């Protein structure tokens, strides 16, 4: 097992498993490493318990723990390091030594507040404080920040402004601030998915080859709304006796996540059972191997992405929706997140309000009887490849550099608030008084 990187390379650090069974983070870092490897030497660092896929254009390294001691041998000779905001705290000693890219596509605090909402208030506050403290180093560590959408970029600009990173140095270097924060969304493989054998239809008990299959990609996280999907199927089942709703991924491939994170799994199964749908019209699986996922999508007649109206939803970028587009599957989705805007822009499905069962029923009926033309999916796929998505990151990794304010002292970047000696006012109060006087003279 390789635990050290000796030759100069861009090191991409994945905090999640990369292997036959992957969730969103593993998929993202595998493909970013693959695309970057076409342009520069790349090492993809994965947890020691992670299996691996064929490396393609990069090499693998493994680390035992997400700590500086474990990661230092991997990054000490790197030309640049790409790391999730989740692991940024472990790389703080790297600041000013190697250019660091912070991948902020995942709104961690928003997710964790949803994950842990069942905890007593005091414990939840302690957890929030610990996570906020752990995330704080990312703001000073990053030389370049990437995120998944323009909406997320606006959010990141606000975060960085509050941390003093939008300052004379960074603005003078690039007034657009694209050199500081840019968008690198999820992408799609250039090659379309293939189906070599049946995976679900005609294979899973209760699902025939000719049935109409609705697929729910990914997990049943707290901010998602599988219960509305089940209730909608209960209404439609009388019209479509062969309607089958499949939740193929209810057990996360990362065992730690599977143990620690609450989901709607039990509630969804209980509702399906109470409505008489379980193993008749609603089916649950564990997790589909990544190599088979494209084939499952090709078997599907309709794909679902339903969520609640939350802070997480406002910032989220649903990677599974991109995969629906990859396979050309019509989508019924809740409006409100960035990927629902893609569905609307390319006319690939139907959007519904949060929690509106009747609207979901109508959307399902419409998409099953009048699906979008495949030409619309082809147009979307041409613009959403990983190669296109990664362009800002490719440009940075070809010429890694430190942020314009990297070697400016903390005092310069975050000047202390001093009082106006004559009036006792702070600079903000002084400015406010001047604006008031100016307004009175106008």
Protein backbone atom coordinates (compact mmCIF):
# COMPACT_ATOMS: atom_id res chain seq x y z
CA UNK A 1 0.00 0.00 0.00
CA UNK A 2 1.50 3.32 -1.07
CA UNK A 3 1.52 5.85 1.79
CA UNK A 4 4.01 8.35 0.37
CA UNK A 5 4.26 10.48 -2.75
CA UNK A 6 7.87 11.03 -3.85
CA UNK A 7 7.55 12.67 -7.28
CA UNK A 8 5.98 16.12 -7.75
CA UNK A 9 2.29 15.80 -8.54
CA UNK A 10 -1.09 17.32 -7.86
CA UNK A 11 -2.51 15.40 -4.89
CA UNK A 12 -6.28 14.99 -4.74
CA UNK A 13 -7.44 13.86 -1.29
CA UNK A 14 -10.75 12.01 -1.03
CA UNK A 15 -12.30 11.74 2.41
CA UNK A 16 -14.67 9.01 1.19
CA UNK A 17 -14.17 5.58 -0.33
CA UNK A 18 -13.30 5.21 -4.01
CA UNK A 19 -14.17 1.79 -5.31
CA UNK A 20 -16.80 -0.48 -6.76
CA UNK A 21 -19.44 1.09 -4.48
CA UNK A 22 -19.17 4.88 -4.18
CA UNK A 23 -21.22 7.81 -2.99
CA UNK A 24 -21.03 11.37 -4.31
CA UNK A 25 -17.65 12.43 -2.82
CA UNK A 26 -15.81 9.34 -4.05
CA UNK A 27 -17.32 9.72 -7.52
CA UNK A 28 -16.32 13.39 -7.62
CA UNK A 29 -12.70 12.88 -6.64
CA UNK A 30 -12.25 9.85 -8.89
CA UNK A 31 -13.41 11.81 -11.93
CA UNK A 32 -11.55 15.01 -11.03
CA UNK A 33 -8.35 12.98 -10.66
CA UNK A 34 -9.06 11.25 -13.96
CA UNK A 35 -9.62 14.49 -15.86
CA UNK A 36 -6.70 16.33 -14.24
CA UNK A 37 -4.45 13.38 -15.04
CA UNK A 38 -4.83 14.16 -18.72
CA UNK A 39 -2.94 17.41 -18.13
CA UNK A 40 -0.64 17.03 -15.09
CA UNK A 41 0.75 14.20 -12.90
CA UNK A 42 -1.92 13.32 -10.31
CA UNK A 43 -2.07 11.20 -7.18
CA UNK A 44 -5.48 10.33 -5.71
CA UNK A 45 -5.17 9.79 -1.96
CA UNK A 46 -7.92 7.65 -0.44
CA UNK A 47 -8.62 6.22 3.03
CA UNK A 48 -6.67 3.06 3.80
CA UNK A 49 -9.87 1.01 4.01
CA UNK A 50 -10.99 2.17 0.58
CA UNK A 51 -10.96 -0.26 -2.34
CA UNK A 52 -9.90 1.24 -5.63
CA UNK A 53 -11.01 1.44 -9.23
CA UNK A 54 -8.57 1.22 -12.16
CA UNK A 55 -6.42 4.37 -11.86
CA UNK A 56 -6.64 5.39 -15.54
CA UNK A 57 -4.63 8.63 -15.75
CA UNK A 58 -3.42 8.86 -12.13
CA UNK A 59 -1.86 6.82 -9.35
CA UNK A 60 -3.23 5.96 -5.90
CA UNK A 61 -1.94 6.56 -2.41
CA UNK A 62 -3.54 5.64 0.91
CA UNK A 63 -3.71 7.32 4.30
CA UNK A 64 -4.70 5.80 7.64
CA UNK A 65 -6.21 8.78 9.46
CA UNK A 66 -7.35 12.28 8.41
CA UNK A 67 -4.54 13.92 10.42
CA UNK A 68 -1.49 15.99 9.49
CA UNK A 69 0.83 13.21 10.62
CA UNK A 70 -0.83 10.74 8.24
CA UNK A 71 -1.28 13.15 5.33
CA UNK A 72 2.08 14.95 5.46
CA UNK A 73 4.01 12.21 3.58
CA UNK A 74 1.46 12.43 0.77
CA UNK A 75 1.57 16.18 0.29
CA UNK A 76 5.14 17.23 1.11
CA UNK A 77 6.28 17.01 -2.53
CA UNK A 78 2.96 18.02 -4.12
CA UNK A 79 2.77 20.81 -6.67
CA UNK A 80 -0.77 21.51 -5.41
CA UNK A 81 -3.22 19.84 -3.06
CA UNK A 82 -6.97 19.53 -3.62
CA UNK A 83 -8.91 18.73 -0.48
CA UNK A 84 -12.49 18.83 0.74
CA UNK A 85 -13.37 21.48 3.28
CA UNK A 86 -14.08 18.55 5.62
CA UNK A 87 -10.35 17.72 5.81
CA UNK A 88 -8.94 21.25 5.57
CA UNK A 89 -8.17 21.44 9.31
CA UNK A 90 -5.70 18.55 8.97
CA UNK A 91 -3.62 20.43 6.39
CA UNK A 92 -3.20 23.77 8.15
CA UNK A 93 0.61 23.29 8.47
CA UNK A 94 0.72 23.27 4.66
CA UNK A 95 -0.36 26.92 4.42
CA UNK A 96 2.20 28.97 2.52
CA UNK A 97 4.26 25.91 1.55
CA UNK A 98 2.12 24.36 -1.18
CA UNK A 99 -0.84 25.89 -3.05
CA UNK A 100 -4.07 24.44 -1.64
CA UNK A 101 -7.42 24.11 -3.39
CA UNK A 102 -10.40 23.86 -1.03
CA UNK A 103 -13.33 21.98 -2.53
CA UNK A 104 -16.39 23.53 -0.93
CA UNK A 105 -19.12 21.83 -2.95
CA UNK A 106 -20.57 20.18 0.17
CA UNK A 107 -22.42 22.52 2.60
CA UNK A 108 -21.09 20.60 5.60
CA UNK A 109 -22.64 22.57 8.45
CA UNK A 110 -26.07 22.60 6.81
CA UNK A 111 -25.88 18.84 6.32
CA UNK A 112 -24.67 18.10 9.82
CA UNK A 113 -27.33 20.22 11.47
CA UNK A 114 -29.87 18.10 9.61
CA UNK A 115 -28.05 14.86 10.42
CA UNK A 116 -27.95 15.62 14.14
CA UNK A 117 -31.24 17.45 14.60
CA UNK A 118 -32.49 14.60 16.82
CA UNK A 119 -29.89 15.39 19.51
CA UNK A 120 -30.72 17.34 22.70
CA UNK A 121 -30.16 21.11 22.20
CA UNK A 122 -27.09 21.31 24.45
CA UNK A 123 -25.40 18.43 22.65
CA UNK A 124 -26.35 19.83 19.25
CA UNK A 125 -24.82 23.20 20.15
CA UNK A 126 -21.60 21.51 21.31
CA UNK A 127 -21.39 19.57 18.07
CA UNK A 128 -22.06 22.69 16.01
CA UNK A 129 -19.31 24.57 17.86
CA UNK A 130 -16.84 21.74 17.29
CA UNK A 131 -17.65 21.54 13.59
CA UNK A 132 -17.47 25.30 13.14
CA UNK A 133 -14.05 25.28 14.79
CA UNK A 134 -12.90 22.41 12.58
CA UNK A 135 -14.04 24.21 9.42
CA UNK A 136 -12.51 27.57 10.32
CA UNK A 137 -8.96 26.80 9.05
CA UNK A 138 -10.22 26.35 5.50
CA UNK A 139 -10.74 30.09 5.06
CA UNK A 140 -7.08 30.91 5.67
CA UNK A 141 -5.64 27.71 4.18
CA UNK A 142 -7.15 27.96 0.71
CA UNK A 143 -5.37 29.59 -2.21
CA UNK A 144 -8.20 28.67 -4.57
CA UNK A 145 -11.74 27.65 -3.67
CA UNK A 146 -14.05 25.63 -5.89
CA UNK A 147 -17.76 24.94 -5.52
CA UNK A 148 -20.56 23.34 -7.51
CA UNK A 149 -22.76 26.23 -8.67
CA UNK A 150 -22.95 29.99 -9.06
CA UNK A 151 -25.33 30.00 -6.11
CA UNK A 152 -22.69 28.29 -4.00
CA UNK A 153 -20.08 30.72 -5.28
CA UNK A 154 -22.11 33.67 -4.00
CA UNK A 155 -22.31 31.92 -0.63
CA UNK A 156 -18.55 31.31 -0.60
CA UNK A 157 -17.80 34.91 -1.49
CA UNK A 158 -19.81 35.95 1.55
CA UNK A 159 -17.96 33.49 3.78
CA UNK A 160 -14.58 34.65 2.53
CA UNK A 161 -15.46 38.32 2.84
CA UNK A 162 -16.37 37.74 6.47
CA UNK A 163 -12.97 36.09 6.99
CA UNK A 164 -10.98 38.93 5.46
CA UNK A 165 -10.06 37.08 2.26
CA UNK A 166 -11.74 39.61 -0.01
CA UNK A 167 -9.29 42.42 0.48
CA UNK A 168 -7.19 44.88 -1.53
CA UNK A 169 -4.73 42.17 -2.57
CA UNK A 170 -7.26 39.65 -3.89
CA UNK A 171 -9.46 42.27 -5.54
CA UNK A 172 -6.52 44.01 -7.24
CA UNK A 173 -5.24 40.65 -8.49
CA UNK A 174 -8.62 39.85 -10.08
CA UNK A 175 -11.65 42.10 -9.79
CA UNK A 176 -13.97 39.20 -10.68
CA UNK A 177 -12.44 37.10 -7.86
CA UNK A 178 -12.58 34.04 -10.14
CA UNK A 179 -8.94 33.44 -9.24
CA UNK A 180 -10.07 33.05 -5.65
CA UNK A 181 -13.42 31.24 -6.05
CA UNK A 182 -14.74 29.51 -9.15
CA UNK A 183 -17.33 26.91 -10.11
CA UNK A 184 -16.38 23.27 -10.70
CA UNK A 185 -19.66 21.35 -10.61
CA UNK A 186 -20.22 17.65 -10.92
CA UNK A 187 -19.91 16.47 -14.49
CA UNK A 188 -20.82 13.61 -16.77
CA UNK A 189 -18.61 11.01 -18.45
CA UNK A 190 -18.19 11.66 -22.15
CA UNK A 191 -19.23 8.10 -22.95
CA UNK A 192 -22.92 7.27 -22.36
CA UNK A 193 -23.82 4.40 -20.02
CA UNK A 194 -24.14 0.89 -21.37
CA UNK A 195 -26.36 -2.02 -20.39
CA UNK A 196 -24.78 -5.45 -20.80
CA UNK A 197 -27.23 -7.35 -18.63
CA UNK A 198 -30.38 -6.73 -16.56
CA UNK A 199 -29.66 -5.44 -13.06
CA UNK A 200 -33.12 -4.77 -11.59
CA UNK A 201 -35.88 -5.46 -14.13
CA UNK A 202 -36.50 -9.16 -14.41
CA UNK A 203 -33.91 -9.78 -11.69
CA UNK A 204 -35.25 -8.39 -8.43
CA UNK A 205 -38.18 -10.43 -7.07
CA UNK A 206 -41.45 -8.64 -7.83
CA UNK A 207 -40.07 -6.53 -10.69
CA UNK A 208 -40.70 -7.88 -14.20
CA UNK A 209 -38.79 -6.90 -17.32
CA UNK A 210 -41.81 -5.05 -18.73
CA UNK A 211 -42.67 -3.10 -15.55
CA UNK A 212 -42.53 0.70 -15.40
CA UNK A 213 -39.65 1.58 -13.08
CA UNK A 214 -39.17 4.77 -11.08
CA UNK A 215 -35.70 5.12 -9.58
CA UNK A 216 -34.55 7.09 -6.55
CA UNK A 217 -30.80 7.56 -6.87
CA UNK A 218 -28.62 7.86 -3.79
CA UNK A 219 -29.47 7.76 -0.11
CA UNK A 220 -32.46 8.72 2.01
CA UNK A 221 -30.86 11.63 3.84
CA UNK A 222 -32.82 13.78 6.32
CA UNK A 223 -33.26 16.72 3.90
CA UNK A 224 -34.69 14.48 1.15
CA UNK A 225 -38.36 13.52 0.87
CA UNK A 226 -38.86 9.87 -0.10
CA UNK A 227 -42.18 9.72 1.77
CA UNK A 228 -43.85 12.05 -0.74
CA UNK A 229 -42.61 9.78 -3.54
CA UNK A 230 -44.13 6.73 -1.83
CA UNK A 231 -47.46 8.48 -1.26
CA UNK A 232 -47.55 9.54 -4.91
CA UNK A 233 -46.95 5.95 -6.03
CA UNK A 234 -49.81 4.84 -3.77
CA UNK A 235 -52.13 7.11 -5.78
CA UNK A 236 -50.77 6.09 -9.18
CA UNK A 237 -50.65 2.35 -8.56
CA UNK A 238 -54.34 1.98 -9.44
CA UNK A 239 -53.63 3.50 -12.88
CA UNK A 240 -50.30 1.70 -13.44
CA UNK A 241 -50.49 -1.76 -11.94
CA UNK A 242 -46.95 -2.39 -13.19
CA UNK A 243 -45.51 0.74 -11.55
CA UNK A 244 -42.42 0.01 -9.45
CA UNK A 245 -40.57 2.55 -7.29
CA UNK A 246 -37.03 1.41 -6.51
CA UNK A 247 -34.72 2.74 -3.79
CA UNK A 248 -31.56 0.85 -4.76
CA UNK A 249 -29.11 2.65 -2.44
CA UNK A 250 -30.24 2.66 1.19
CA UNK A 251 -26.95 1.51 2.79
CA UNK A 252 -23.98 3.85 2.35
CA UNK A 253 -20.81 2.10 1.09
CA UNK A 254 -18.74 3.89 3.74
CA UNK A 255 -19.49 1.86 6.88
CA UNK A 256 -18.74 4.80 9.18
CA UNK A 257 -21.31 6.98 7.43
CA UNK A 258 -23.78 4.11 7.41
CA UNK A 259 -23.46 3.77 11.19
CA UNK A 260 -23.38 7.44 12.17
CA UNK A 261 -25.88 9.16 9.88
CA UNK A 262 -29.66 8.94 10.39
CA UNK A 263 -31.82 8.46 7.29
CA UNK A 264 -35.46 8.03 6.28
CA UNK A 265 -34.82 4.34 5.64
CA UNK A 266 -36.98 2.95 8.44
CA UNK A 267 -39.73 5.54 7.97
CA UNK A 268 -39.86 4.89 4.22
CA UNK A 269 -40.11 1.14 4.69
CA UNK A 270 -42.77 1.58 7.37
CA UNK A 271 -44.86 3.87 5.15
CA UNK A 272 -44.58 1.53 2.16
CA UNK A 273 -45.67 -1.35 4.36
CA UNK A 274 -48.58 0.59 5.89
CA UNK A 275 -49.84 1.52 2.41
CA UNK A 276 -49.59 -2.08 1.22
CA UNK A 277 -46.86 -1.21 -1.29
CA UNK A 278 -43.76 -2.87 0.17
CA UNK A 279 -42.25 -5.43 -2.21
CA UNK A 280 -45.24 -4.91 -4.50
CA UNK A 281 -44.87 -1.37 -5.80
CA UNK A 282 -42.01 -0.08 -3.61
CA UNK A 283 -38.66 -1.88 -3.31
CA UNK A 284 -35.49 -1.24 -1.31
CA UNK A 285 -31.93 -2.33 -2.04
CA UNK A 286 -28.59 -1.81 -0.30
CA UNK A 287 -26.24 -0.11 -2.78
CA UNK A 288 -25.62 -0.59 -6.48
CA UNK A 289 -21.99 -1.12 -7.59
CA UNK A 290 -20.78 1.93 -9.49
CA UNK A 291 -20.07 -0.14 -12.61
CA UNK A 292 -23.75 -1.21 -12.70
CA UNK A 293 -25.32 2.15 -11.92
CA UNK A 294 -25.51 3.33 -15.51
CA UNK A 295 -27.29 0.12 -16.51
CA UNK A 296 -29.83 0.60 -13.70
CA UNK A 297 -30.56 4.10 -14.98
CA UNK A 298 -31.03 2.79 -18.52
CA UNK A 299 -33.64 0.36 -17.16
CA UNK A 300 -35.51 3.23 -15.50
CA UNK A 301 -38.50 5.00 -17.02
CA UNK A 302 -38.48 7.95 -14.61
CA UNK A 303 -36.09 9.32 -11.98
CA UNK A 304 -36.94 11.19 -8.78
CA UNK A 305 -35.21 13.89 -6.74
CA UNK A 306 -37.50 15.22 -4.01
CA UNK A 307 -36.46 17.31 -1.04
CA UNK A 308 -37.73 19.61 1.70
CA UNK A 309 -37.34 23.40 1.71
CA UNK A 310 -34.20 23.80 3.85
CA UNK A 311 -30.92 25.69 4.01
CA UNK A 312 -29.17 22.57 2.72
CA UNK A 313 -31.49 22.51 -0.28
CA UNK A 314 -30.67 26.12 -1.10
CA UNK A 315 -26.97 25.26 -1.39
CA UNK A 316 -27.06 21.66 -2.57
CA UNK A 317 -25.98 20.31 -5.93
CA UNK A 318 -27.60 16.88 -6.45
CA UNK A 319 -25.01 14.76 -8.22
CA UNK A 320 -27.58 12.03 -8.87
CA UNK A 321 -29.58 14.38 -11.06
CA UNK A 322 -26.53 14.75 -13.30
CA UNK A 323 -26.47 10.97 -13.61
CA UNK A 324 -30.13 10.94 -14.62
CA UNK A 325 -29.23 13.35 -17.41
CA UNK A 326 -26.28 11.15 -18.38
CA UNK A 327 -28.63 8.21 -18.92
CA UNK A 328 -31.40 10.25 -20.56
CA UNK A 329 -33.98 9.50 -17.86
CA UNK A 330 -36.85 12.02 -17.42
CA UNK A 331 -36.83 13.62 -13.97
CA UNK A 332 -39.47 14.67 -11.47
CA UNK A 333 -37.78 16.95 -8.95
CA UNK A 334 -38.59 19.44 -6.25
CA UNK A 335 -37.89 23.01 -7.30
CA UNK A 336 -35.39 25.05 -5.33
CA UNK A 337 -31.90 23.61 -5.71
CA UNK A 338 -29.31 24.25 -8.40
CA UNK A 339 -29.89 20.99 -10.24
CA UNK A 340 -33.61 21.70 -10.57
CA UNK A 341 -32.55 24.76 -12.56
CA UNK A 342 -30.69 22.44 -14.96
CA UNK A 343 -33.83 20.35 -15.41
CA UNK A 344 -35.81 23.48 -16.19
CA UNK A 345 -33.16 25.02 -18.47
CA UNK A 346 -32.84 21.95 -20.68
CA UNK A 347 -36.50 20.85 -20.33
CA UNK A 348 -35.61 17.41 -18.99
CA UNK A 349 -38.47 16.86 -16.58
CA UNK A 350 -41.02 18.48 -14.30
CA UNK A 351 -40.59 20.49 -11.10
CA UNK A 352 -42.93 20.43 -8.11
CA UNK A 353 -43.31 22.39 -4.86
CA UNK A 354 -41.85 20.77 -1.72
CA UNK A 355 -44.05 18.11 -0.15
CA UNK A 356 -46.91 18.42 -2.66
CA UNK A 357 -48.07 14.84 -3.26
CA UNK A 358 -50.71 15.78 -5.82
CA UNK A 359 -48.21 17.82 -7.82
CA UNK A 360 -45.79 14.88 -7.82
CA UNK A 361 -48.57 12.54 -8.99
CA UNK A 362 -49.39 14.86 -11.88
CA UNK A 363 -45.71 15.30 -12.75
CA UNK A 364 -45.17 11.53 -12.77
CA UNK A 365 -48.21 11.03 -14.96
CA UNK A 366 -47.03 13.71 -17.38
CA UNK A 367 -43.46 12.41 -17.64
CA UNK A 368 -44.53 8.79 -18.07
CA UNK A 369 -46.90 9.64 -20.91
CA UNK A 370 -45.04 12.57 -22.50
CA UNK A 371 -41.31 12.17 -21.78
CA UNK A 372 -38.85 14.80 -23.06
CA UNK A 373 -37.19 14.15 -26.41
CA UNK A 374 -33.79 12.49 -26.14
CA UNK A 375 -32.34 15.33 -28.22
CA UNK A 376 -32.77 17.58 -25.17
CA UNK A 377 -30.69 15.21 -23.06
CA UNK A 378 -28.03 15.11 -25.77
CA UNK A 379 -27.81 18.89 -25.73
CA UNK A 380 -27.46 18.92 -21.94
CA UNK A 381 -24.83 16.18 -21.93
CA UNK A 382 -22.68 18.09 -24.40
CA UNK A 383 -22.42 20.98 -21.92
CA UNK A 384 -22.10 18.99 -18.68
CA UNK A 385 -19.06 16.74 -19.14
CA UNK A 386 -16.40 16.39 -16.45
CA UNK A 387 -13.91 17.82 -18.93
CA UNK A 388 -15.93 21.04 -19.21
CA UNK A 389 -16.78 21.17 -15.52
CA UNK A 390 -13.14 20.91 -14.43
CA UNK A 391 -11.73 23.68 -16.66
CA UNK A 392 -11.05 26.21 -13.84
CA UNK A 393 -9.34 23.50 -11.80
CA UNK A 394 -7.28 22.31 -14.78
CA UNK A 395 -6.11 25.87 -15.37
CA UNK A 396 -5.03 26.24 -11.74
CA UNK A 397 -3.23 22.89 -11.61
CA UNK A 398 -1.29 23.63 -14.78
CA UNK A 399 0.12 26.74 -13.08
CA UNK A 400 -0.37 26.34 -9.31
CA UNK A 401 0.06 29.54 -7.36
CA UNK A 402 -0.57 31.02 -3.96
CA UNK A 403 -3.45 33.40 -3.36
CA UNK A 404 -2.64 37.07 -3.83
CA UNK A 405 -2.96 37.66 -0.07
CA UNK A 406 -1.11 34.52 1.03
CA UNK A 407 1.91 36.27 2.53
CA UNK A 408 0.13 39.31 3.86
CA UNK A 409 0.14 39.27 7.65
CA UNK A 410 -3.03 38.58 9.57
CA UNK A 411 -2.93 42.11 10.94
CA UNK A 412 -2.91 43.55 7.42
CA UNK A 413 -5.68 41.29 6.15
CA UNK A 414 -7.81 41.65 9.28
CA UNK A 415 -6.93 45.04 10.80
CA UNK A 416 -7.93 45.59 14.42
CA UNK A 417 -10.78 47.99 15.06
CA UNK A 418 -9.34 51.22 16.45
CA UNK A 419 -11.21 54.09 17.95
CA UNK A 420 -11.22 57.57 16.53
CA UNK A 421 -9.07 59.39 19.10
CA UNK A 422 -11.00 62.61 18.80
CA UNK A 423 -14.53 61.24 19.02
CA UNK A 424 -14.06 57.80 20.58
CA UNK A 425 -15.85 56.28 17.60
CA UNK A 426 -14.75 53.13 15.83
CA UNK A 427 -13.99 53.50 12.09
CA UNK A 428 -17.41 52.11 11.26
CA UNK A 429 -19.11 54.65 13.53
CA UNK A 430 -17.03 57.46 12.04
CA UNK A 431 -17.95 56.40 8.50
CA UNK A 432 -21.60 56.18 9.47
CA UNK A 433 -21.57 59.71 10.88
CA UNK A 434 -19.94 61.02 7.68
CA UNK A 435 -22.59 59.35 5.53
CA UNK A 436 -25.36 60.86 7.65
CA UNK A 437 -23.82 64.35 7.35
CA UNK A 438 -23.42 63.88 3.59
CA UNK A 439 -27.06 62.83 3.33
CA UNK A 440 -28.19 65.91 5.20
CA UNK A 441 -26.24 68.18 2.86
CA UNK A 442 -27.69 66.50 -0.25
